[in-house]
Amino acid sequence: MTDRDGKGPGLPVTVLGGDHADVPLEASSGAFVAQFCVDYKTSLVLSLRHFSKTDQRHFVADFCEKLYRLKGHAANRDPLHIIIDEADHD
């Protein structure tokens, strides 16, 4: 990701899924992505645009449940920035 003017390095945020993905995203990978996010303490943008509504709900439910359980442990309390794109569309 680059900074606002496109010349600097920007913030270290990984984009999963969508047209500008650093890594593709599978609908069945919600729990895996949550585990990765906690293990590597990485901030993410999750683009769900290419998923059906059913797959979006499945991914987000699995992701959030796993993330909630993992972040409940004292060792995993570091803050994360997670943006779920298309979360406002129904």
N, C-alpha and C. Protein backbone atom coordinates (compact mmCIF):
# COMPACT_ATOMS: atom_id res chain seq x y z
N MET A 1 0.84 -1.16 0.00
CA MET A 1 0.00 0.00 0.00
C MET A 1 0.90 1.24 0.00
N THR A 2 0.56 2.25 -0.79
CA THR A 2 1.35 3.47 -0.85
C THR A 2 0.68 4.58 -0.06
N ASP A 3 1.44 5.63 0.21
CA ASP A 3 0.86 6.75 0.93
C ASP A 3 -0.08 7.53 0.03
N ARG A 4 -0.66 8.58 0.57
CA ARG A 4 -1.70 9.33 -0.12
C ARG A 4 -1.27 9.85 -1.49
N ASP A 5 -0.04 10.36 -1.59
CA ASP A 5 0.39 10.91 -2.88
C ASP A 5 0.97 9.84 -3.81
N GLY A 6 1.01 8.60 -3.35
CA GLY A 6 1.47 7.49 -4.18
C GLY A 6 2.98 7.38 -4.31
N LYS A 7 3.72 8.18 -3.53
CA LYS A 7 5.18 8.17 -3.66
C LYS A 7 5.89 7.47 -2.52
N GLY A 8 5.29 7.47 -1.33
CA GLY A 8 5.93 6.86 -0.16
C GLY A 8 5.43 5.45 0.09
N PRO A 9 5.98 4.81 1.11
CA PRO A 9 5.64 3.42 1.37
C PRO A 9 4.24 3.20 1.95
N GLY A 10 3.64 4.19 2.58
CA GLY A 10 2.31 4.00 3.14
C GLY A 10 2.31 3.12 4.37
N LEU A 11 1.17 2.58 4.70
CA LEU A 11 1.02 1.74 5.89
C LEU A 11 1.14 0.27 5.52
N PRO A 12 1.67 -0.55 6.43
CA PRO A 12 1.80 -1.98 6.15
C PRO A 12 0.49 -2.72 6.37
N VAL A 13 -0.41 -2.64 5.41
CA VAL A 13 -1.71 -3.29 5.50
C VAL A 13 -1.83 -4.25 4.34
N THR A 14 -2.20 -5.48 4.63
CA THR A 14 -2.38 -6.50 3.60
C THR A 14 -3.83 -6.51 3.15
N VAL A 15 -4.05 -6.56 1.85
CA VAL A 15 -5.40 -6.62 1.28
C VAL A 15 -5.66 -8.06 0.84
N LEU A 16 -6.73 -8.64 1.38
CA LEU A 16 -7.13 -10.00 1.01
C LEU A 16 -8.43 -9.92 0.23
N GLY A 17 -8.46 -10.52 -0.94
CA GLY A 17 -9.65 -10.55 -1.76
C GLY A 17 -9.82 -9.29 -2.60
N GLY A 18 -10.73 -9.36 -3.56
CA GLY A 18 -11.04 -8.20 -4.39
C GLY A 18 -10.05 -7.99 -5.52
N ASP A 19 -10.28 -6.90 -6.26
CA ASP A 19 -9.48 -6.60 -7.45
C ASP A 19 -8.06 -6.17 -7.14
N HIS A 20 -7.81 -5.63 -5.95
CA HIS A 20 -6.49 -5.11 -5.61
C HIS A 20 -5.81 -5.95 -4.53
N ALA A 21 -6.14 -7.22 -4.49
CA ALA A 21 -5.66 -8.11 -3.42
C ALA A 21 -4.16 -8.36 -3.50
N ASP A 22 -3.55 -8.39 -2.31
CA ASP A 22 -2.19 -8.91 -2.20
C ASP A 22 -2.24 -10.43 -2.22
N VAL A 23 -3.34 -10.96 -1.68
CA VAL A 23 -3.56 -12.41 -1.59
C VAL A 23 -5.04 -12.67 -1.87
N PRO A 24 -5.38 -13.70 -2.66
CA PRO A 24 -6.79 -14.02 -2.88
C PRO A 24 -7.45 -14.50 -1.59
N LEU A 25 -8.75 -14.43 -1.55
CA LEU A 25 -9.51 -14.80 -0.36
C LEU A 25 -10.56 -15.84 -0.73
N GLU A 26 -10.65 -16.90 0.05
CA GLU A 26 -11.65 -17.95 -0.16
C GLU A 26 -12.76 -17.82 0.88
N ALA A 27 -13.98 -18.11 0.50
CA ALA A 27 -15.12 -17.97 1.41
C ALA A 27 -15.01 -18.88 2.63
N SER A 28 -14.34 -19.98 2.50
CA SER A 28 -14.23 -20.95 3.60
C SER A 28 -13.04 -20.68 4.52
N SER A 29 -12.34 -19.56 4.33
CA SER A 29 -11.10 -19.33 5.07
C SER A 29 -11.23 -18.36 6.24
N GLY A 30 -12.42 -18.06 6.70
CA GLY A 30 -12.60 -17.08 7.77
C GLY A 30 -11.82 -17.38 9.03
N ALA A 31 -11.92 -18.58 9.54
CA ALA A 31 -11.21 -18.96 10.77
C ALA A 31 -9.70 -18.95 10.55
N PHE A 32 -9.25 -19.41 9.40
CA PHE A 32 -7.82 -19.41 9.07
C PHE A 32 -7.27 -17.99 9.03
N VAL A 33 -8.00 -17.07 8.40
CA VAL A 33 -7.56 -15.68 8.29
C VAL A 33 -7.48 -15.04 9.68
N ALA A 34 -8.45 -15.33 10.55
CA ALA A 34 -8.42 -14.80 11.92
C ALA A 34 -7.19 -15.32 12.65
N GLN A 35 -6.89 -16.59 12.51
CA GLN A 35 -5.71 -17.18 13.15
C GLN A 35 -4.44 -16.51 12.64
N PHE A 36 -4.35 -16.34 11.34
CA PHE A 36 -3.19 -15.68 10.73
C PHE A 36 -3.03 -14.26 11.27
N CYS A 37 -4.13 -13.53 11.32
CA CYS A 37 -4.13 -12.15 11.78
C CYS A 37 -3.60 -12.03 13.21
N VAL A 38 -4.02 -12.93 14.07
CA VAL A 38 -3.57 -12.91 15.46
C VAL A 38 -2.13 -13.40 15.58
N ASP A 39 -1.80 -14.48 14.91
CA ASP A 39 -0.45 -15.04 15.00
C ASP A 39 0.62 -14.06 14.51
N TYR A 40 0.32 -13.34 13.43
CA TYR A 40 1.31 -12.46 12.83
C TYR A 40 1.07 -10.99 13.16
N LYS A 41 0.06 -10.71 13.98
CA LYS A 41 -0.23 -9.34 14.43
C LYS A 41 -0.25 -8.38 13.25
N THR A 42 -1.01 -8.74 12.24
CA THR A 42 -1.07 -7.96 11.01
C THR A 42 -2.42 -7.28 10.84
N SER A 43 -2.39 -6.10 10.28
CA SER A 43 -3.62 -5.39 9.95
C SER A 43 -4.06 -5.80 8.55
N LEU A 44 -5.37 -5.87 8.33
CA LEU A 44 -5.90 -6.39 7.08
C LEU A 44 -7.05 -5.55 6.55
N VAL A 45 -7.18 -5.57 5.23
CA VAL A 45 -8.40 -5.17 4.56
C VAL A 45 -8.94 -6.44 3.94
N LEU A 46 -10.18 -6.78 4.27
CA LEU A 46 -10.83 -7.96 3.71
C LEU A 46 -11.87 -7.50 2.71
N SER A 47 -11.67 -7.77 1.45
CA SER A 47 -12.63 -7.40 0.42
C SER A 47 -13.50 -8.61 0.12
N LEU A 48 -14.78 -8.47 0.39
CA LEU A 48 -15.73 -9.57 0.20
C LEU A 48 -16.59 -9.40 -1.05
N ARG A 49 -16.24 -8.44 -1.87
CA ARG A 49 -17.04 -8.09 -3.06
C ARG A 49 -17.32 -9.29 -3.96
N HIS A 50 -16.38 -10.16 -4.12
CA HIS A 50 -16.52 -11.28 -5.06
C HIS A 50 -17.28 -12.47 -4.46
N PHE A 51 -17.69 -12.39 -3.20
CA PHE A 51 -18.45 -13.46 -2.56
C PHE A 51 -19.95 -13.24 -2.73
N SER A 52 -20.70 -14.32 -2.78
CA SER A 52 -22.17 -14.21 -2.72
C SER A 52 -22.54 -13.73 -1.31
N LYS A 53 -23.76 -13.28 -1.13
CA LYS A 53 -24.22 -12.83 0.19
C LYS A 53 -24.09 -13.95 1.22
N THR A 54 -24.43 -15.16 0.83
CA THR A 54 -24.32 -16.30 1.74
C THR A 54 -22.87 -16.53 2.13
N ASP A 55 -21.97 -16.49 1.15
CA ASP A 55 -20.54 -16.69 1.44
C ASP A 55 -19.98 -15.55 2.28
N GLN A 56 -20.45 -14.32 2.06
CA GLN A 56 -20.01 -13.20 2.89
C GLN A 56 -20.38 -13.44 4.34
N ARG A 57 -21.62 -13.84 4.58
CA ARG A 57 -22.07 -14.10 5.95
C ARG A 57 -21.29 -15.24 6.58
N HIS A 58 -21.05 -16.29 5.83
CA HIS A 58 -20.31 -17.45 6.34
C HIS A 58 -18.88 -17.04 6.71
N PHE A 59 -18.21 -16.32 5.81
CA PHE A 59 -16.83 -15.89 6.07
C PHE A 59 -16.78 -15.01 7.31
N VAL A 60 -17.62 -14.00 7.38
CA VAL A 60 -17.58 -13.04 8.49
C VAL A 60 -17.92 -13.73 9.81
N ALA A 61 -18.90 -14.63 9.81
CA ALA A 61 -19.25 -15.34 11.05
C ALA A 61 -18.08 -16.19 11.53
N ASP A 62 -17.45 -16.95 10.65
CA ASP A 62 -16.29 -17.78 11.03
C ASP A 62 -15.12 -16.92 11.48
N PHE A 63 -14.85 -15.84 10.74
CA PHE A 63 -13.75 -14.95 11.06
C PHE A 63 -13.94 -14.31 12.43
N CYS A 64 -15.11 -13.74 12.65
CA CYS A 64 -15.36 -13.01 13.90
C CYS A 64 -15.40 -13.95 15.11
N GLU A 65 -15.98 -15.12 14.96
CA GLU A 65 -16.03 -16.06 16.08
C GLU A 65 -14.61 -16.49 16.47
N LYS A 66 -13.80 -16.84 15.49
CA LYS A 66 -12.42 -17.26 15.77
C LYS A 66 -11.60 -16.11 16.36
N LEU A 67 -11.74 -14.92 15.78
CA LEU A 67 -11.01 -13.76 16.27
C LEU A 67 -11.40 -13.45 17.72
N TYR A 68 -12.68 -13.49 18.02
CA TYR A 68 -13.17 -13.22 19.37
C TYR A 68 -12.56 -14.20 20.38
N ARG A 69 -12.55 -15.47 20.03
CA ARG A 69 -12.00 -16.49 20.93
C ARG A 69 -10.48 -16.32 21.11
N LEU A 70 -9.77 -16.06 20.03
CA LEU A 70 -8.32 -15.89 20.11
C LEU A 70 -7.94 -14.64 20.89
N LYS A 71 -8.62 -13.54 20.65
CA LYS A 71 -8.29 -12.28 21.32
C LYS A 71 -8.69 -12.30 22.79
N GLY A 72 -9.44 -13.30 23.23
CA GLY A 72 -9.81 -13.44 24.63
C GLY A 72 -8.65 -13.89 25.51
N HIS A 73 -7.59 -14.39 24.92
CA HIS A 73 -6.42 -14.82 25.67
C HIS A 73 -5.49 -13.63 25.91
N ALA A 74 -4.95 -13.53 27.10
CA ALA A 74 -4.09 -12.40 27.47
C ALA A 74 -2.91 -12.22 26.52
N ALA A 75 -2.38 -13.29 26.00
CA ALA A 75 -1.22 -13.21 25.10
C ALA A 75 -1.56 -12.59 23.75
N ASN A 76 -2.85 -12.50 23.43
CA ASN A 76 -3.29 -12.02 22.11
C ASN A 76 -3.97 -10.66 22.15
N ARG A 77 -3.68 -9.86 23.14
CA ARG A 77 -4.41 -8.60 23.33
C ARG A 77 -3.85 -7.43 22.53
N ASP A 78 -2.85 -7.64 21.70
CA ASP A 78 -2.33 -6.54 20.88
C ASP A 78 -3.42 -6.04 19.94
N PRO A 79 -3.49 -4.72 19.74
CA PRO A 79 -4.54 -4.19 18.86
C PRO A 79 -4.30 -4.55 17.40
N LEU A 80 -5.39 -4.69 16.66
CA LEU A 80 -5.35 -4.96 15.23
C LEU A 80 -6.26 -3.96 14.53
N HIS A 81 -5.98 -3.68 13.29
CA HIS A 81 -6.87 -2.89 12.45
C HIS A 81 -7.38 -3.81 11.35
N ILE A 82 -8.69 -3.99 11.34
CA ILE A 82 -9.29 -4.88 10.34
C ILE A 82 -10.44 -4.13 9.69
N ILE A 83 -10.39 -4.02 8.38
CA ILE A 83 -11.44 -3.37 7.62
C ILE A 83 -12.10 -4.43 6.76
N ILE A 84 -13.41 -4.55 6.91
CA ILE A 84 -14.17 -5.51 6.10
C ILE A 84 -14.94 -4.70 5.06
N ASP A 85 -14.44 -4.70 3.84
CA ASP A 85 -15.05 -3.95 2.76
C ASP A 85 -16.31 -4.65 2.29
N GLU A 86 -17.31 -3.88 1.93
CA GLU A 86 -18.63 -4.35 1.53
C GLU A 86 -19.47 -4.83 2.71
N ALA A 87 -19.04 -4.62 3.92
CA ALA A 87 -19.81 -5.05 5.08
C ALA A 87 -21.12 -4.27 5.20
N ASP A 88 -21.19 -3.09 4.59
CA ASP A 88 -22.39 -2.28 4.69
C ASP A 88 -23.42 -2.58 3.62
N HIS A 89 -23.08 -3.41 2.65
CA HIS A 89 -24.02 -3.73 1.56
C HIS A 89 -24.89 -4.91 1.95
N ASP A 90 -26.16 -4.84 1.57
CA ASP A 90 -27.04 -5.98 1.84
C ASP A 90 -27.70 -6.50 0.61
